[in-house]
Every structure is written in C-alpha cells, then in structure tokens.
C-alpha cells in the first residue's frame, strides 16, 4: 500500500513543494512576480532556495517517505532538476532572459508533470 501525505514525515514541506510547482507552471504568475522585477530582487531565487533546502531536486530518492511518496514522484523531481539545470547553466544572465527562454518551456513541462504526479498521489 502506498503511503499517503499524512504518512510522510514532512507533509508541510510537500504542501510548500506543491505551491512552488503551481507557480513554476503558471506563466502569468511567473511573468508578474519574476520577470517584472529586476534581478536584484529576484523572487525566482526564493523558489530555488526552497527546492535546494528541501532536497527534492538534488536528492529526491532520499526525500522519499519524508516529502515524496514513491519512485514515480522521485522520477518527476529528477526530471524537474534536469530541466532547471539546463536553464540555469545556459547563456542567459538574468531572470528577465531566462524565464521567457525556449529552455524554460522544459521547466514548465517538468513542473506540470511533477504537479500532476504529486496531486495524483495525494488523491487530488
């Protein structure tokens, strides 16, 4: 039997993860909150800080049972990590260039898939 959110050790972190995935998936929200502000006040860094601090991208397998429910969610986070790495190691110098880039579409796709996966596991 698969664990449920309430069986996780860090369900509140999972809730925050889902919130960030919603934001990563929402073009209007991203443009309004990330692109409209200069890089010095980057709110994109807040998302990266959360994803880094939670460990769901760097060590998704180690977050299973804590934030992630199963291997499907682990794979979804690994795919999002790959997409974000591709954008962050690219030529763009700031959020204004990064977020509307063609590579960003891969981040949106991976975030949408991860969101669907986590919501499916949660029974949403």
C-alpha atoms as a PDB file:
ATOM      1  CA  UNK A   1       0.000   0.000   0.000  1.00  0.00           C
ATOM      2  CA  UNK A   2       1.329   3.412  -0.971  1.00  0.00           C
ATOM      3  CA  UNK A   3       1.876   5.944   1.799  1.00  0.00           C
ATOM      4  CA  UNK A   4      -0.420   8.936   1.924  1.00  0.00           C
ATOM      5  CA  UNK A   5       0.585  12.532   2.559  1.00  0.00           C
ATOM      6  CA  UNK A   6      -0.304  12.193   6.221  1.00  0.00           C
ATOM      7  CA  UNK A   7       2.075   9.227   6.482  1.00  0.00           C
ATOM      8  CA  UNK A   8       5.007  11.392   5.396  1.00  0.00           C
ATOM      9  CA  UNK A   9       7.476  12.833   7.884  1.00  0.00           C
ATOM     10  CA  UNK A  10       7.351  16.275   6.237  1.00  0.00           C
ATOM     11  CA  UNK A  11       3.826  16.817   4.878  1.00  0.00           C
ATOM     12  CA  UNK A  12       4.097  20.609   5.350  1.00  0.00           C
ATOM     13  CA  UNK A  13       7.155  20.629   3.061  1.00  0.00           C
ATOM     14  CA  UNK A  14       5.153  18.673   0.490  1.00  0.00           C
ATOM     15  CA  UNK A  15       2.444  21.359   0.660  1.00  0.00           C
ATOM     16  CA  UNK A  16       5.054  24.052   0.003  1.00  0.00           C
ATOM     17  CA  UNK A  17       6.504  21.974  -2.839  1.00  0.00           C
ATOM     18  CA  UNK A  18       3.095  21.743  -4.487  1.00  0.00           C
ATOM     19  CA  UNK A  19       2.681  25.532  -4.101  1.00  0.00           C
ATOM     20  CA  UNK A  20       6.022  26.142  -5.849  1.00  0.00           C
ATOM     21  CA  UNK A  21       5.149  23.675  -8.609  1.00  0.00           C
ATOM     22  CA  UNK A  22       1.910  25.582  -9.215  1.00  0.00           C
ATOM     23  CA  UNK A  23       3.910  28.811  -9.517  1.00  0.00           C
ATOM     24  CA  UNK A  24       6.529  27.254 -11.804  1.00  0.00           C
ATOM     25  CA  UNK A  25       3.674  26.015 -14.015  1.00  0.00           C
ATOM     26  CA  UNK A  26       1.785  29.327 -14.187  1.00  0.00           C
ATOM     27  CA  UNK A  27       3.166  31.612 -16.912  1.00  0.00           C
ATOM     28  CA  UNK A  28       1.165  34.646 -15.780  1.00  0.00           C
ATOM     29  CA  UNK A  29       2.305  34.287 -12.194  1.00  0.00           C
ATOM     30  CA  UNK A  30       5.943  33.878 -13.244  1.00  0.00           C
ATOM     31  CA  UNK A  31       5.909  36.925 -15.505  1.00  0.00           C
ATOM     32  CA  UNK A  32       4.125  39.064 -12.929  1.00  0.00           C
ATOM     33  CA  UNK A  33       6.282  38.007  -9.997  1.00  0.00           C
ATOM     34  CA  UNK A  34       9.659  37.162 -11.501  1.00  0.00           C
ATOM     35  CA  UNK A  35      10.106  38.912 -14.834  1.00  0.00           C
ATOM     36  CA  UNK A  36       8.557  42.217 -13.746  1.00  0.00           C
ATOM     37  CA  UNK A  37      11.195  42.687 -11.018  1.00  0.00           C
ATOM     38  CA  UNK A  38      14.892  43.384 -11.516  1.00  0.00           C
ATOM     39  CA  UNK A  39      17.306  40.522 -10.853  1.00  0.00           C
ATOM     40  CA  UNK A  40      18.490  42.179  -7.655  1.00  0.00           C
ATOM     41  CA  UNK A  41      15.100  41.409  -6.108  1.00  0.00           C
ATOM     42  CA  UNK A  42      14.697  38.033  -7.770  1.00  0.00           C
ATOM     43  CA  UNK A  43      11.848  36.025  -6.392  1.00  0.00           C
ATOM     44  CA  UNK A  44      12.983  33.167  -8.604  1.00  0.00           C
ATOM     45  CA  UNK A  45      15.773  32.730  -6.068  1.00  0.00           C
ATOM     46  CA  UNK A  46      13.108  32.040  -3.418  1.00  0.00           C
ATOM     47  CA  UNK A  47      11.886  29.071  -5.458  1.00  0.00           C
ATOM     48  CA  UNK A  48      15.419  27.813  -5.995  1.00  0.00           C
ATOM     49  CA  UNK A  49      16.202  28.245  -2.290  1.00  0.00           C
ATOM     50  CA  UNK A  50      13.156  26.202  -1.300  1.00  0.00           C
ATOM     51  CA  UNK A  51      13.891  23.469  -3.837  1.00  0.00           C
ATOM     52  CA  UNK A  52      17.518  23.370  -2.714  1.00  0.00           C
ATOM     53  CA  UNK A  53      16.764  23.428   1.022  1.00  0.00           C
ATOM     54  CA  UNK A  54      14.096  20.735   0.743  1.00  0.00           C
ATOM     55  CA  UNK A  55      16.451  18.396  -1.140  1.00  0.00           C
ATOM     56  CA  UNK A  56      13.716  17.267  -3.525  1.00  0.00           C
ATOM     57  CA  UNK A  57      15.830  18.056  -6.588  1.00  0.00           C
ATOM     58  CA  UNK A  58      19.364  17.141  -5.523  1.00  0.00           C
ATOM     59  CA  UNK A  59      18.439  14.010  -3.559  1.00  0.00           C
ATOM     60  CA  UNK A  60      14.869  13.091  -4.478  1.00  0.00           C
ATOM     61  CA  UNK A  61      15.335   9.424  -3.561  1.00  0.00           C
ATOM     62  CA  UNK A  62      16.436  10.475  -0.078  1.00  0.00           C
ATOM     63  CA  UNK A  63      13.235  12.527   0.283  1.00  0.00           C
ATOM     64  CA  UNK A  64      11.001   9.505  -0.327  1.00  0.00           C
ATOM     65  CA  UNK A  65       8.932   8.885   2.789  1.00  0.00           C
ATOM     66  CA  UNK A  66       9.689  12.385   4.006  1.00  0.00           C
ATOM     67  CA  UNK A  67       8.281  14.607   1.240  1.00  0.00           C
ATOM     68  CA  UNK A  68       7.834  12.285  -1.725  1.00  0.00           C
ATOM     69  CA  UNK A  69       5.586   9.236  -1.722  1.00  0.00           C
ATOM     70  CA  UNK A  70       7.116   6.880  -4.283  1.00  0.00           C
ATOM     71  CA  UNK A  71       9.546   6.282  -7.136  1.00  0.00           C
ATOM     72  CA  UNK A  72       7.200   7.985  -9.612  1.00  0.00           C
ATOM     73  CA  UNK A  73       7.466  11.218  -7.635  1.00  0.00           C
ATOM     74  CA  UNK A  74      11.223  10.744  -7.304  1.00  0.00           C
ATOM     75  CA  UNK A  75      11.471  10.452 -11.109  1.00  0.00           C
ATOM     76  CA  UNK A  76       9.320  13.570 -11.580  1.00  0.00           C
ATOM     77  CA  UNK A  77      11.615  15.585  -9.301  1.00  0.00           C
ATOM     78  CA  UNK A  78      14.697  14.260 -11.121  1.00  0.00           C
ATOM     79  CA  UNK A  79      13.185  15.413 -14.433  1.00  0.00           C
ATOM     80  CA  UNK A  80      12.465  18.872 -12.989  1.00  0.00           C
ATOM     81  CA  UNK A  81      16.019  19.046 -11.660  1.00  0.00           C
ATOM     82  CA  UNK A  82      17.383  18.243 -15.120  1.00  0.00           C
ATOM     83  CA  UNK A  83      15.209  20.920 -16.761  1.00  0.00           C
ATOM     84  CA  UNK A  84      16.183  23.577 -14.215  1.00  0.00           C
ATOM     85  CA  UNK A  85      19.866  22.700 -14.521  1.00  0.00           C
ATOM     86  CA  UNK A  86      19.624  23.168 -18.269  1.00  0.00           C
ATOM     87  CA  UNK A  87      18.143  26.660 -17.843  1.00  0.00           C
ATOM     88  CA  UNK A  88      20.491  27.732 -15.065  1.00  0.00           C
ATOM     89  CA  UNK A  89      23.635  26.645 -16.883  1.00  0.00           C
ATOM     90  CA  UNK A  90      22.564  28.348 -20.128  1.00  0.00           C
ATOM     91  CA  UNK A  91      23.777  31.636 -21.549  1.00  0.00           C
ATOM     92  CA  UNK A  92      21.080  33.897 -20.041  1.00  0.00           C
ATOM     93  CA  UNK A  93      22.325  36.254 -17.415  1.00  0.00           C
ATOM     94  CA  UNK A  94      19.143  37.064 -15.524  1.00  0.00           C
ATOM     95  CA  UNK A  95      15.562  36.063 -14.857  1.00  0.00           C
ATOM     96  CA  UNK A  96      14.327  38.511 -17.497  1.00  0.00           C
ATOM     97  CA  UNK A  97      16.109  36.424 -20.154  1.00  0.00           C
ATOM     98  CA  UNK A  98      15.862  33.033 -18.501  1.00  0.00           C
ATOM     99  CA  UNK A  99      12.123  32.753 -17.857  1.00  0.00           C
ATOM    100  CA  UNK A 100      10.867  33.600 -21.355  1.00  0.00           C
ATOM    101  CA  UNK A 101      13.582  31.436 -22.985  1.00  0.00           C
ATOM    102  CA  UNK A 102      12.812  28.376 -25.074  1.00  0.00           C
ATOM    103  CA  UNK A 103      14.577  26.197 -22.499  1.00  0.00           C
ATOM    104  CA  UNK A 104      12.147  27.436 -19.850  1.00  0.00           C
ATOM    105  CA  UNK A 105       9.399  25.501 -21.637  1.00  0.00           C
ATOM    106  CA  UNK A 106      11.104  22.309 -20.450  1.00  0.00           C
ATOM    107  CA  UNK A 107      10.942  23.572 -16.873  1.00  0.00           C
ATOM    108  CA  UNK A 108       7.229  24.327 -17.235  1.00  0.00           C
ATOM    109  CA  UNK A 109       6.576  20.896 -18.724  1.00  0.00           C
ATOM    110  CA  UNK A 110       8.553  19.143 -15.967  1.00  0.00           C
ATOM    111  CA  UNK A 111       6.858  21.240 -13.254  1.00  0.00           C
ATOM    112  CA  UNK A 112       3.423  20.439 -14.686  1.00  0.00           C
ATOM    113  CA  UNK A 113       4.229  16.735 -14.779  1.00  0.00           C
ATOM    114  CA  UNK A 114       5.585  16.809 -11.229  1.00  0.00           C
ATOM    115  CA  UNK A 115       2.492  18.690 -10.069  1.00  0.00           C
ATOM    116  CA  UNK A 116       0.180  16.137 -11.706  1.00  0.00           C
ATOM    117  CA  UNK A 117       2.180  13.314 -10.180  1.00  0.00           C
ATOM    118  CA  UNK A 118       2.121  14.728  -6.653  1.00  0.00           C
ATOM    119  CA  UNK A 119      -1.557  15.613  -6.857  1.00  0.00           C
ATOM    120  CA  UNK A 120      -2.366  12.143  -8.190  1.00  0.00           C
ATOM    121  CA  UNK A 121      -0.550  10.578  -5.244  1.00  0.00           C
ATOM    122  CA  UNK A 122      -2.425  12.889  -2.890  1.00  0.00           C
ATOM    123  CA  UNK A 123      -5.767  11.929  -4.383  1.00  0.00           C
ATOM    124  CA  UNK A 124      -6.453  15.481  -5.605  1.00  0.00           C
END
